[in-house]
Amino acid sequence: MIIEIRGQKVLLDSDVVKIYDVEVKRINEAVKNNPDKFPNGYIIELNDDEWQNLKSKFLTSSWGGKRKLPKAFTEKGLYMLATILKSKRATKATIAIIETFTKIRELSRTIKKLPSVTDKKEQQSLMQKSGEIIAEILDDSLETDESETTIELNLAVLKFKHTIKKRKNG
């Protein structure tokens, strides 16, 4: 699940292991053995407060009893990690991650334009484009692995998020 830490969109190591089908231990080894490949901005090492805050936002935690604070990988960090892991699964996962991050950025730019557009036709066009991008992200050629719904109430603002994890058929 893509989350935001320190203003950056990241994946926690516990989610990365599911994508690349490796153990956290292997990810930690890759980072430790290749420090030059993970410059500043590729990995965020969470502090105690960030970890406690993050855990408190979720009703159920799939992270269990962690002994070490988790690492959060930025988009660049995920790409670099895939080049080190060098498995077919890592390559496929990286392509999917690149595509998803690209679509999310495009969706974000499109949505940010909406409030400043006064022309109704242009607004409709932007809304249609947003819908098309969402449809691409939720492509039917992907088989659903699992889904998760989170509802957050944050200072009288209701956020609704529905996550669907998918994989390519075949």
Protein backbone atom coordinates (compact mmCIF):
# COMPACT_ATOMS: atom_id res chain seq x y z
CA MET A 1 0.00 0.00 0.00
CA ILE A 2 1.43 3.36 -1.00
CA ILE A 3 1.50 5.73 1.98
CA GLU A 4 2.93 9.19 2.59
CA ILE A 5 5.85 9.71 4.99
CA ARG A 6 7.67 13.05 5.31
CA GLY A 7 5.83 14.31 2.25
CA GLN A 8 6.93 11.42 0.03
CA LYS A 9 4.91 8.53 -1.34
CA VAL A 10 6.51 5.28 -0.17
CA LEU A 11 6.03 1.57 0.39
CA LEU A 12 7.03 0.00 3.70
CA ASP A 13 9.44 -2.91 3.63
CA SER A 14 6.60 -5.20 4.79
CA ASP A 15 4.75 -4.39 1.55
CA VAL A 16 7.88 -4.60 -0.61
CA VAL A 17 8.47 -8.21 0.50
CA LYS A 18 5.03 -9.15 -0.84
CA ILE A 19 5.73 -7.51 -4.19
CA TYR A 20 9.21 -8.99 -4.70
CA ASP A 21 8.48 -12.28 -2.89
CA VAL A 22 11.53 -12.03 -0.62
CA GLU A 23 12.08 -11.76 3.13
CA VAL A 24 12.69 -8.43 4.88
CA LYS A 25 16.10 -9.87 5.77
CA ARG A 26 17.03 -10.01 2.05
CA ILE A 27 15.91 -6.42 1.54
CA ASN A 28 17.96 -5.26 4.53
CA GLU A 29 20.99 -7.16 3.18
CA ALA A 30 20.58 -5.55 -0.25
CA VAL A 31 20.49 -2.09 1.33
CA LYS A 32 23.38 -2.78 3.71
CA ASN A 33 25.60 -4.33 1.02
CA ASN A 34 24.91 -1.56 -1.54
CA PRO A 35 24.82 1.74 0.37
CA ASP A 36 26.05 3.68 -2.68
CA LYS A 37 22.93 2.58 -4.59
CA PHE A 38 20.58 4.09 -2.01
CA PRO A 39 21.48 7.78 -1.68
CA ASN A 40 19.39 10.23 0.29
CA GLY A 41 15.79 10.19 -0.93
CA TYR A 42 15.68 6.50 -1.86
CA ILE A 43 14.88 5.09 1.59
CA ILE A 44 13.31 6.66 4.65
CA GLU A 45 14.12 4.98 7.95
CA LEU A 46 11.13 5.61 10.17
CA ASN A 47 11.67 6.92 13.69
CA ASP A 48 9.70 5.68 16.73
CA ASP A 49 7.10 8.47 16.55
CA GLU A 50 6.44 7.95 12.84
CA TRP A 51 6.09 4.19 13.34
CA GLN A 52 3.69 4.57 16.29
CA ASN A 53 1.64 7.17 14.38
CA LEU A 54 1.48 4.95 11.32
CA LYS A 55 0.43 1.89 13.32
CA SER A 56 -2.30 3.90 15.05
CA LYS A 57 -3.88 4.77 11.69
CA PHE A 58 -4.70 1.16 10.91
CA LEU A 59 -7.30 -0.92 12.72
CA THR A 60 -5.46 -4.13 11.95
CA SER A 61 -1.76 -4.40 11.34
CA SER A 62 -0.12 -6.94 9.07
CA TRP A 63 3.27 -5.92 10.42
CA GLY A 64 3.04 -7.89 13.65
CA GLY A 65 5.71 -7.50 16.31
CA LYS A 66 8.58 -5.76 14.54
CA ARG A 67 11.85 -5.67 16.40
CA LYS A 68 13.43 -3.06 14.11
CA LEU A 69 11.88 0.10 12.77
CA PRO A 70 10.73 -0.40 9.18
CA LYS A 71 12.26 1.14 6.11
CA ALA A 72 10.08 3.01 3.64
CA PHE A 73 11.11 2.88 -0.02
CA THR A 74 10.46 5.77 -2.38
CA GLU A 75 9.75 5.11 -6.03
CA LYS A 76 13.48 5.50 -6.81
CA GLY A 77 14.40 3.17 -3.97
CA LEU A 78 12.04 0.49 -5.29
CA TYR A 79 13.60 0.68 -8.74
CA MET A 80 17.11 0.40 -7.33
CA LEU A 81 16.12 -2.49 -5.08
CA ALA A 82 14.73 -4.37 -8.08
CA THR A 83 18.04 -4.00 -9.94
CA ILE A 84 19.82 -5.57 -6.99
CA LEU A 85 17.33 -8.41 -6.44
CA LYS A 86 17.40 -9.30 -10.17
CA SER A 87 14.59 -11.83 -10.18
CA LYS A 88 11.90 -12.18 -12.84
CA ARG A 89 9.32 -11.34 -10.19
CA ALA A 90 11.24 -8.20 -9.22
CA THR A 91 11.40 -7.10 -12.87
CA LYS A 92 7.67 -7.65 -13.41
CA ALA A 93 6.86 -5.94 -10.13
CA THR A 94 9.05 -2.96 -11.00
CA ILE A 95 7.29 -2.49 -14.33
CA ALA A 96 3.92 -2.59 -12.54
CA ILE A 97 5.18 -0.11 -9.91
CA ILE A 98 6.48 2.28 -12.58
CA GLU A 99 3.15 2.13 -14.42
CA THR A 100 1.13 2.65 -11.23
CA PHE A 101 3.25 5.56 -9.93
CA THR A 102 3.06 7.19 -13.39
CA LYS A 103 -0.73 6.87 -13.47
CA ILE A 104 -1.05 8.18 -9.91
CA ARG A 105 1.06 11.24 -10.79
CA GLU A 106 -1.05 11.85 -13.90
CA LEU A 107 -4.26 11.46 -11.87
CA SER A 108 -2.93 13.86 -9.23
CA ARG A 109 -2.05 16.51 -11.85
CA THR A 110 -5.47 16.14 -13.47
CA ILE A 111 -7.35 16.45 -10.17
CA LYS A 112 -5.26 19.48 -9.10
CA LYS A 113 -6.31 21.29 -12.29
CA LEU A 114 -10.05 20.88 -11.61
CA PRO A 115 -10.59 23.71 -9.07
CA SER A 116 -8.93 26.30 -11.32
CA VAL A 117 -10.92 25.41 -14.44
CA THR A 118 -14.09 27.46 -14.93
CA ASP A 119 -15.17 26.12 -18.32
CA LYS A 120 -17.73 23.33 -17.77
CA LYS A 121 -16.66 21.37 -20.86
CA GLU A 122 -13.04 21.43 -19.78
CA GLN A 123 -14.05 20.36 -16.24
CA GLN A 124 -16.02 17.47 -17.72
CA SER A 125 -13.06 16.52 -19.88
CA LEU A 126 -10.73 16.52 -16.85
CA MET A 127 -13.22 14.45 -14.84
CA GLN A 128 -13.53 11.98 -17.70
CA LYS A 129 -9.73 11.78 -17.97
CA SER A 130 -9.54 11.12 -14.20
CA GLY A 131 -12.07 8.32 -14.54
CA GLU A 132 -10.12 6.79 -17.42
CA ILE A 133 -6.90 6.85 -15.40
CA ILE A 134 -8.64 5.21 -12.45
CA ALA A 135 -10.05 2.57 -14.81
CA GLU A 136 -6.52 1.90 -16.11
CA ILE A 137 -5.25 1.46 -12.56
CA LEU A 138 -8.12 -0.95 -11.87
CA ASP A 139 -7.61 -2.76 -15.20
CA ASP A 140 -9.78 -5.86 -15.55
CA SER A 141 -6.90 -7.86 -17.05
CA LEU A 142 -5.57 -8.03 -13.52
CA GLU A 143 -6.81 -10.67 -11.14
CA THR A 144 -7.68 -9.51 -7.63
CA ASP A 145 -5.49 -10.88 -4.84
CA GLU A 146 -7.19 -9.05 -2.01
CA SER A 147 -8.90 -5.79 -1.21
CA GLU A 148 -8.88 -3.52 1.79
CA THR A 149 -11.07 -0.60 2.79
CA THR A 150 -9.96 2.09 5.20
CA ILE A 151 -12.10 4.93 6.53
CA GLU A 152 -10.28 7.77 8.29
CA LEU A 153 -11.87 10.67 10.14
CA ASN A 154 -9.33 13.47 10.32
CA LEU A 155 -10.41 16.83 11.77
CA ALA A 156 -13.93 16.63 10.37
CA VAL A 157 -12.70 15.55 6.95
CA LEU A 158 -13.80 12.10 5.93
CA LYS A 159 -11.41 10.13 3.78
CA PHE A 160 -12.52 6.93 2.13
CA LYS A 161 -9.92 4.68 0.59
CA HIS A 162 -10.46 1.33 -1.08
CA THR A 163 -7.34 -0.60 -2.04
CA ILE A 164 -7.50 -3.46 -4.51
CA LYS A 165 -4.36 -5.52 -4.98
CA LYS A 166 -4.22 -7.09 -8.42
CA ARG A 167 -1.91 -9.23 -10.48
CA LYS A 168 -1.71 -9.93 -14.21
CA ASN A 169 -3.38 -13.11 -15.42
CA GLY A 170 -1.08 -15.77 -16.81
